[in-house]
Amino acid sequence: MTHLLKKTWVKYLAQALAVAVVIAGAVFYISGQMSVVVSVDGQREEITTRAATVGALLEQQDINLAKRDEISAALDSDLADEQLVDIKRNKSIDVTVDGTERVVHTTGMTVADVVAQLDIDKDSEISLDGDMELAALSDELEVVTPKDMTLIVKDKKKKIASTALTVKELLAEQKIEVDGNDEINVKIKGETDKNAKDSVKLAADATVEVIDVTVKTWDETRDIDFETKKVKDSSLDKGETKVKTEGEKGERDLTLRQESRNGKKGEEEVLKSKITKKPVAEVIKVGTKEEEKETTSKKTPTPSNISSTWAALAKCESGGNWSINTGNGYYGGLQFSASSWRAAGGAQYAPLPHQASPAEQIATAEKLRANGGWGHWPHCSAKLGLR
């Protein structure tokens, strides 16, 4: 009986020891486990692991790192319970900045991250929304940075910063309307492109000038001036003229064009011209007949029966010589011109005044005075106090 009890006790003791060993092993195993979170480009996963280092964890989870990938902890660092292991994968993004293509490597998650990485001006034009995730990116990212330019519109100059790549984009951005007549000049790096097309590409420090051009066309009839021709006539005294043919203006039908630039009118341009009436030239006869010159030695003195007024006037005008002809175009004691002599009827006495007698000259002078007063002899009449 005693032997039986002893055997039973030994059996129970062995079983108890075995259970204790199992329990101790389980406790030891459980106590060596850790709970960590692995995040790959924002995708988080909670993992229970007995890995001692971060590198061992990645190997255990079959996670491979590329050259430009970023991880929040060194691979040989000890792994801790409830640790976050953050992995950001490298992405190669095709980016065009101001027309220049390049490949940008980034571990960012969105378009905004790439823009921030490139330190792009905040006023730049971005082709894609900043919240777009790079993982979903299929189009090339285009960036246009603002460029300093000079804009001249209707002679008014201003400095601007624009993201426009072409003249057309700049005009749309600045709300400038142009038509087919307007002129656009673009100056880039000292070179000026006149009458540039709106497809011309712009660059920093470019000068864009917009000239408002208006064009007016109209029909008009204008006079044509006649020309004057002079012909010699020996039957007329030298210096005397006579109209042989009256001149008449002609007419011309015109189609005209005028261009104004920024409100300033330019020269008129003749598009069409047709003479509808020819002008008639005016012909003037010019006398060439030489008059006989008489010397002052053949002096005809003032007769005693001449009034003192006419005698004094003759002395002032001609020195009292009634037959004087010096060739200056004035004749006789009262210095008539040939035309005045004939107009007053003196030709009934003689062709020229100096050929007539003093009495005949005075009779003719009386007719002149009756019509115009002493003003026919302005200097001497004033000197003698006659007016």
Protein backbone atom coordinates (compact mmCIF):
# COMPACT_ATOMS: atom_id res chain seq x y z
CA MET A 1 0.00 0.00 0.00
CA THR A 2 2.76 2.36 0.89
CA HIS A 3 4.58 1.46 -2.28
CA LEU A 4 1.50 2.16 -4.36
CA LEU A 5 0.99 5.61 -2.85
CA LYS A 6 4.60 6.46 -3.49
CA LYS A 7 4.33 5.60 -7.14
CA THR A 8 1.17 7.67 -7.50
CA TRP A 9 2.79 10.71 -5.90
CA VAL A 10 5.82 10.48 -8.18
CA LYS A 11 3.50 10.30 -11.21
CA TYR A 12 1.59 13.42 -10.19
CA LEU A 13 4.80 15.29 -9.45
CA ALA A 14 6.17 14.53 -12.92
CA GLN A 15 2.97 15.72 -14.54
CA ALA A 16 3.05 18.89 -12.49
CA LEU A 17 6.61 19.58 -13.48
CA ALA A 18 5.76 19.08 -17.16
CA VAL A 19 2.85 21.50 -16.94
CA ALA A 20 5.07 24.04 -15.17
CA VAL A 21 7.68 23.78 -17.90
CA VAL A 22 5.03 24.35 -20.60
CA ILE A 23 3.59 27.34 -18.76
CA ALA A 24 7.04 28.83 -18.18
CA GLY A 25 7.92 28.42 -21.86
CA ALA A 26 4.69 30.09 -22.94
CA VAL A 27 5.29 32.99 -20.61
CA PHE A 28 8.83 33.33 -21.91
CA TYR A 29 7.64 33.29 -25.54
CA ILE A 30 4.90 35.80 -24.97
CA SER A 31 7.14 38.12 -23.02
CA GLY A 32 9.57 38.31 -26.01
CA GLN A 33 6.91 39.57 -28.51
CA MET A 34 6.35 43.27 -29.46
CA SER A 35 3.53 45.15 -31.20
CA VAL A 36 4.78 47.65 -33.80
CA VAL A 37 3.22 49.69 -36.62
CA VAL A 38 4.74 49.72 -40.07
CA SER A 39 3.63 52.58 -42.41
CA VAL A 40 4.52 52.50 -46.09
CA ASP A 41 3.52 55.72 -47.90
CA GLY A 42 0.77 56.24 -45.37
CA GLN A 43 -0.56 52.67 -45.43
CA ARG A 44 -0.31 51.51 -41.80
CA GLU A 45 -0.24 47.91 -40.56
CA GLU A 46 0.06 46.70 -36.96
CA ILE A 47 2.51 43.78 -36.61
CA THR A 48 3.39 41.47 -33.70
CA THR A 49 7.02 40.48 -33.89
CA ARG A 50 9.96 39.10 -31.91
CA ALA A 51 12.47 40.90 -34.26
CA ALA A 52 15.22 42.59 -32.31
CA THR A 53 16.08 45.35 -34.86
CA VAL A 54 14.32 47.43 -37.46
CA GLY A 55 16.28 45.68 -40.21
CA ALA A 56 15.22 42.26 -38.88
CA LEU A 57 11.58 43.44 -38.90
CA LEU A 58 11.77 44.51 -42.56
CA GLU A 59 13.42 41.19 -43.48
CA GLN A 60 10.76 39.30 -41.55
CA GLN A 61 8.00 41.24 -43.38
CA ASP A 62 9.76 40.94 -46.74
CA ILE A 63 9.99 44.73 -47.13
CA ASN A 64 12.86 45.93 -49.35
CA LEU A 65 14.17 49.50 -49.40
CA ALA A 66 15.24 51.20 -52.64
CA LYS A 67 18.18 53.62 -52.79
CA ARG A 68 16.17 56.85 -52.39
CA ASP A 69 13.52 55.47 -49.98
CA GLU A 70 13.36 57.09 -46.55
CA ILE A 71 12.80 55.29 -43.22
CA SER A 72 12.18 56.83 -39.82
CA ALA A 73 14.79 54.67 -37.97
CA ALA A 74 18.18 53.17 -38.76
CA LEU A 75 18.10 49.54 -39.85
CA ASP A 76 20.50 48.43 -37.07
CA SER A 77 18.56 50.25 -34.33
CA ASP A 78 16.77 48.20 -31.63
CA LEU A 79 13.08 47.67 -32.15
CA ALA A 80 10.81 48.82 -29.32
CA ASP A 81 7.29 47.86 -28.38
CA GLU A 82 4.61 50.12 -29.97
CA GLN A 83 7.21 51.70 -32.25
CA LEU A 84 6.16 53.34 -35.55
CA VAL A 85 8.38 52.42 -38.46
CA ASP A 86 7.57 54.98 -41.18
CA ILE A 87 8.73 54.25 -44.73
CA LYS A 88 8.37 56.71 -47.58
CA ARG A 89 8.97 55.33 -51.05
CA ASN A 90 10.85 57.38 -53.66
CA LYS A 91 8.83 58.50 -56.68
CA SER A 92 10.32 59.76 -59.95
CA ILE A 93 8.11 62.56 -61.27
CA ASP A 94 8.37 64.18 -64.72
CA VAL A 95 8.29 67.93 -64.13
CA THR A 96 8.49 70.80 -66.61
CA VAL A 97 9.52 74.15 -65.12
CA ASP A 98 9.23 77.14 -67.49
CA GLY A 99 9.48 74.85 -70.48
CA THR A 100 12.51 72.89 -69.20
CA GLU A 101 11.87 69.19 -68.57
CA ARG A 102 13.45 67.37 -65.63
CA VAL A 103 12.94 64.33 -63.41
CA VAL A 104 12.34 65.02 -59.73
CA HIS A 105 12.92 62.32 -57.11
CA THR A 106 10.71 62.76 -54.06
CA THR A 107 9.35 60.87 -51.09
CA GLY A 108 6.47 63.33 -50.86
CA MET A 109 2.91 62.14 -51.04
CA THR A 110 1.19 64.91 -53.03
CA VAL A 111 1.80 67.44 -55.80
CA ALA A 112 2.06 70.12 -53.09
CA ASP A 113 4.98 68.18 -51.54
CA VAL A 114 6.86 68.27 -54.86
CA VAL A 115 6.19 72.00 -55.29
CA ALA A 116 7.47 72.64 -51.76
CA GLN A 117 10.54 70.52 -52.42
CA LEU A 118 11.35 72.57 -55.56
CA ASP A 119 10.86 75.83 -53.60
CA ILE A 120 8.58 77.17 -56.32
CA ASP A 121 7.33 80.79 -56.13
CA LYS A 122 3.90 80.88 -54.52
CA ASP A 123 2.50 82.84 -57.49
CA SER A 124 3.55 80.16 -59.96
CA GLU A 125 1.03 78.40 -62.15
CA ILE A 126 0.74 74.66 -61.38
CA SER A 127 -0.92 72.34 -63.89
CA LEU A 128 -2.22 69.85 -61.27
CA ASP A 129 -4.11 70.25 -58.01
CA GLY A 130 -1.86 70.35 -54.96
CA ASP A 131 -3.90 67.68 -53.12
CA MET A 132 -3.43 65.12 -55.86
CA GLU A 133 -1.55 62.07 -54.59
CA LEU A 134 1.59 61.19 -56.47
CA ALA A 135 0.63 57.54 -56.51
CA ALA A 136 -2.31 58.45 -58.76
CA LEU A 137 -0.27 60.77 -60.96
CA SER A 138 -0.35 59.93 -64.68
CA ASP A 139 0.22 63.34 -66.30
CA GLU A 140 3.40 65.37 -66.36
CA LEU A 141 3.55 68.11 -63.76
CA GLU A 142 3.99 71.52 -65.39
CA VAL A 143 5.13 74.58 -63.44
CA VAL A 144 5.30 78.13 -64.80
CA THR A 145 6.97 80.67 -62.55
CA PRO A 146 6.10 84.40 -62.77
CA LYS A 147 8.50 86.45 -64.90
CA ASP A 148 9.12 90.18 -64.75
CA MET A 149 8.08 91.87 -68.00
CA THR A 150 7.33 95.33 -69.38
CA LEU A 151 3.94 95.89 -71.01
CA ILE A 152 3.25 98.95 -73.18
CA VAL A 153 -0.34 99.55 -74.25
CA LYS A 154 -1.30 102.75 -76.12
CA ASP A 155 2.02 104.37 -75.12
CA LYS A 156 1.43 103.62 -71.41
CA LYS A 157 4.19 101.52 -69.82
CA LYS A 158 3.92 99.32 -66.73
CA LYS A 159 5.94 96.58 -65.04
CA ILE A 160 4.20 93.23 -64.51
CA ALA A 161 4.95 89.72 -63.26
CA SER A 162 3.26 87.09 -65.43
CA THR A 163 3.15 83.33 -65.86
CA ALA A 164 2.10 83.69 -69.51
CA LEU A 165 4.23 81.60 -71.85
CA THR A 166 3.10 83.27 -75.09
CA VAL A 167 1.88 86.66 -76.24
CA LYS A 168 -1.63 85.24 -76.62
CA GLU A 169 -1.67 84.06 -73.00
CA LEU A 170 -0.35 87.42 -71.80
CA LEU A 171 -3.04 89.37 -73.66
CA ALA A 172 -5.73 87.08 -72.24
CA GLU A 173 -4.27 87.39 -68.73
CA GLN A 174 -4.16 91.20 -68.94
CA LYS A 175 -7.59 91.34 -70.64
CA ILE A 176 -6.25 93.20 -73.67
CA GLU A 177 -8.33 92.88 -76.83
CA VAL A 178 -6.65 93.25 -80.22
CA ASP A 179 -7.88 93.02 -83.80
CA GLY A 180 -6.27 92.27 -87.12
CA ASN A 181 -5.09 95.85 -87.60
CA ASP A 182 -3.29 96.17 -84.26
CA GLU A 183 0.47 95.76 -84.09
CA ILE A 184 2.37 93.77 -81.45
CA ASN A 185 6.13 94.21 -81.00
CA VAL A 186 8.12 91.88 -78.72
CA LYS A 187 11.62 92.68 -77.51
CA ILE A 188 13.63 89.85 -75.90
CA LYS A 189 17.32 90.13 -75.07
CA GLY A 190 17.76 93.18 -77.29
CA GLU A 191 16.11 91.61 -80.33
CA THR A 192 12.79 93.12 -81.46
CA ASP A 193 10.20 91.10 -83.35
CA LYS A 194 7.93 93.59 -85.11
CA ASN A 195 4.35 92.62 -85.97
CA ALA A 196 4.89 89.49 -83.88
CA LYS A 197 2.37 86.67 -83.93
CA ASP A 198 0.50 85.91 -80.72
CA SER A 199 2.16 82.50 -80.63
CA VAL A 200 5.59 84.04 -79.89
CA LYS A 201 7.05 82.64 -76.67
CA LEU A 202 7.95 85.02 -73.87
CA ALA A 203 10.91 85.10 -71.52
CA ALA A 204 11.98 87.00 -68.43
CA ASP A 205 12.55 90.76 -68.95
CA ALA A 206 10.62 90.73 -72.23
CA THR A 207 8.98 93.94 -73.44
CA VAL A 208 5.61 93.57 -75.15
CA GLU A 209 4.22 96.63 -76.93
CA VAL A 210 0.63 96.71 -78.17
CA ILE A 211 -0.13 99.47 -80.68
CA ASP A 212 -3.78 100.28 -81.36
CA VAL A 213 -4.05 100.65 -85.12
CA THR A 214 -7.21 101.92 -86.81
CA VAL A 215 -7.60 102.15 -90.58
CA LYS A 216 -9.97 104.54 -92.38
CA THR A 217 -10.75 104.45 -96.13
CA TRP A 218 -12.97 106.86 -98.04
CA ASP A 219 -13.72 108.35 -101.48
CA GLU A 220 -13.18 112.04 -102.22
CA THR A 221 -13.11 114.47 -105.15
CA ARG A 222 -10.33 117.04 -105.11
CA ASP A 223 -9.39 120.04 -107.28
CA ILE A 224 -6.36 119.96 -109.52
CA ASP A 225 -4.60 123.31 -109.60
CA PHE A 226 -3.91 124.75 -113.04
CA GLU A 227 -0.44 125.81 -114.04
CA THR A 228 0.45 129.31 -115.15
CA LYS A 229 2.37 129.86 -118.34
CA LYS A 230 3.97 133.17 -119.29
CA VAL A 231 4.59 134.11 -122.91
CA LYS A 232 6.52 137.10 -124.15
CA ASP A 233 4.63 139.76 -126.10
CA SER A 234 6.56 142.50 -127.86
CA SER A 235 3.39 144.54 -128.42
CA LEU A 236 3.11 145.20 -124.69
CA ASP A 237 5.38 147.53 -122.81
CA LYS A 238 8.03 145.89 -120.71
CA GLY A 239 6.62 145.01 -117.28
CA GLU A 240 3.02 145.07 -118.51
CA THR A 241 1.02 141.82 -118.33
CA LYS A 242 -2.25 140.65 -119.83
CA VAL A 243 -4.21 137.43 -119.34
CA LYS A 244 -4.57 135.62 -122.62
CA THR A 245 -6.33 132.45 -121.31
CA GLU A 246 -8.11 132.17 -117.97
CA GLY A 247 -6.99 129.17 -115.92
CA GLU A 248 -9.50 126.54 -114.82
CA LYS A 249 -9.06 123.94 -112.06
CA GLY A 250 -9.48 120.27 -112.86
CA GLU A 251 -10.98 117.49 -110.73
CA ARG A 252 -9.70 114.12 -109.55
CA ASP A 253 -11.64 111.23 -107.90
CA LEU A 254 -9.61 109.57 -105.15
CA THR A 255 -9.86 106.56 -102.87
CA LEU A 256 -7.84 107.33 -99.75
CA ARG A 257 -6.55 105.37 -96.78
CA GLN A 258 -5.32 106.73 -93.44
CA GLU A 259 -3.80 104.78 -90.57
CA SER A 260 -3.89 105.98 -86.97
CA ARG A 261 -1.51 104.55 -84.38
CA ASN A 262 -2.51 105.00 -80.75
CA GLY A 263 -4.80 107.83 -81.87
CA LYS A 264 -2.13 109.68 -83.87
CA LYS A 265 -3.12 110.09 -87.51
CA GLY A 266 -0.60 109.14 -90.15
CA GLU A 267 -0.23 110.37 -93.73
CA GLU A 268 -3.00 109.80 -96.23
CA GLU A 269 -2.29 107.07 -98.75
CA VAL A 270 -3.80 107.19 -102.23
CA LEU A 271 -5.25 103.82 -103.18
CA LYS A 272 -6.98 104.91 -106.42
CA SER A 273 -6.78 108.08 -108.51
CA LYS A 274 -8.74 109.08 -111.63
CA ILE A 275 -8.80 112.47 -113.38
CA THR A 276 -12.39 113.34 -114.26
CA LYS A 277 -11.72 116.89 -115.49
CA LYS A 278 -8.43 118.14 -116.86
CA PRO A 279 -7.21 121.57 -115.71
CA VAL A 280 -6.79 124.44 -118.17
CA ALA A 281 -3.51 126.30 -117.91
CA GLU A 282 -3.60 130.07 -117.49
CA VAL A 283 -1.62 131.94 -120.14
CA ILE A 284 -0.30 135.39 -119.31
CA LYS A 285 1.30 137.69 -121.88
CA VAL A 286 4.32 139.58 -120.57
CA GLY A 287 5.36 142.74 -122.37
CA THR A 288 8.88 143.01 -123.68
CA LYS A 289 8.61 146.31 -125.58
CA GLU A 290 11.43 148.58 -124.56
CA GLU A 291 10.46 152.20 -123.96
CA GLU A 292 12.63 155.03 -125.13
CA LYS A 293 14.63 156.59 -122.38
CA GLU A 294 15.02 160.29 -122.35
CA THR A 295 17.82 161.97 -120.54
CA THR A 296 17.16 164.42 -117.82
CA SER A 297 19.01 167.08 -119.85
CA LYS A 298 15.84 167.66 -121.93
CA LYS A 299 14.06 169.15 -118.97
CA THR A 300 10.65 170.69 -119.44
CA PRO A 301 10.27 173.34 -116.75
CA THR A 302 7.08 174.21 -115.00
CA PRO A 303 5.10 176.81 -116.94
CA SER A 304 4.14 179.99 -115.12
CA ASN A 305 0.46 179.37 -115.60
CA ILE A 306 0.56 176.10 -113.53
CA SER A 307 -1.02 176.31 -110.07
CA SER A 308 1.39 176.52 -107.19
CA THR A 309 0.02 173.30 -105.68
CA TRP A 310 0.72 171.20 -108.79
CA ALA A 311 4.05 172.96 -109.26
CA ALA A 312 5.10 172.12 -105.70
CA LEU A 313 3.96 168.52 -106.08
CA ALA A 314 5.92 168.17 -109.38
CA LYS A 315 9.02 169.64 -107.76
CA CYS A 316 8.75 167.03 -104.96
CA GLU A 317 8.02 164.10 -107.30
CA SER A 318 10.41 164.82 -110.19
CA GLY A 319 12.36 167.92 -109.34
CA GLY A 320 9.95 169.87 -111.53
CA ASN A 321 10.97 168.05 -114.74
CA TRP A 322 7.79 167.35 -116.71
CA SER A 323 9.57 165.29 -119.40
CA ILE A 324 11.61 163.05 -117.12
CA ASN A 325 11.96 159.29 -117.91
CA THR A 326 14.62 157.59 -115.81
CA GLY A 327 13.54 154.05 -116.73
CA ASN A 328 12.18 153.26 -113.28
CA GLY A 329 8.62 152.74 -114.59
CA TYR A 330 7.36 156.22 -113.57
CA TYR A 331 7.10 159.14 -116.03
CA GLY A 332 6.72 162.91 -116.20
CA GLY A 333 6.54 165.67 -113.67
CA LEU A 334 3.92 163.88 -111.50
CA GLN A 335 5.51 160.42 -111.89
CA PHE A 336 2.63 158.47 -113.40
CA SER A 337 2.94 154.74 -113.97
CA ALA A 338 2.00 153.65 -117.49
CA SER A 339 -1.09 151.82 -116.23
CA SER A 340 -2.31 154.77 -114.11
CA TRP A 341 -1.80 157.11 -117.07
CA ARG A 342 -3.91 154.98 -119.37
CA ALA A 343 -6.56 154.31 -116.68
CA ALA A 344 -7.06 158.06 -116.18
CA GLY A 345 -7.35 158.69 -119.95
CA GLY A 346 -3.91 160.15 -120.46
CA ALA A 347 -3.33 158.07 -123.61
CA GLN A 348 -5.53 160.58 -125.51
CA TYR A 349 -2.68 163.06 -125.16
CA ALA A 350 0.38 160.82 -125.55
CA PRO A 351 1.36 157.13 -125.18
CA LEU A 352 3.29 157.94 -121.97
CA PRO A 353 3.06 160.81 -119.49
CA HIS A 354 6.49 162.37 -120.10
CA GLN A 355 5.56 162.80 -123.77
CA ALA A 356 2.57 164.99 -122.86
CA SER A 357 2.60 168.67 -121.96
CA PRO A 358 2.51 169.81 -118.32
CA ALA A 359 -1.07 170.97 -118.77
CA GLU A 360 -2.09 167.56 -120.19
CA GLN A 361 -0.35 165.80 -117.32
CA ILE A 362 -2.17 167.99 -114.78
CA ALA A 363 -5.53 167.41 -116.53
CA THR A 364 -5.01 163.66 -116.24
CA ALA A 365 -3.81 164.02 -112.63
CA GLU A 366 -7.00 165.93 -111.77
CA LYS A 367 -9.01 162.85 -112.83
CA LEU A 368 -6.91 160.62 -110.58
CA ARG A 369 -7.29 163.03 -107.65
CA ALA A 370 -11.06 163.15 -108.19
CA ASN A 371 -11.24 159.37 -107.71
CA GLY A 372 -8.61 158.76 -105.06
CA GLY A 373 -7.54 162.11 -103.67
CA TRP A 374 -3.97 163.11 -103.03
CA GLY A 375 -3.27 159.53 -101.90
CA HIS A 376 -2.03 158.75 -105.42
CA TRP A 377 1.06 160.72 -104.39
CA PRO A 378 1.34 159.48 -100.78
CA HIS A 379 4.81 160.70 -99.86
CA CYS A 380 4.90 164.11 -101.42
CA SER A 381 1.27 165.02 -100.68
CA ALA A 382 1.89 164.28 -97.02
CA LYS A 383 5.15 166.22 -97.08
CA LEU A 384 3.35 169.25 -98.57
CA GLY A 385 0.49 168.99 -96.09
CA LEU A 386 -2.10 168.26 -98.79
CA ARG A 387 -3.68 165.47 -96.72
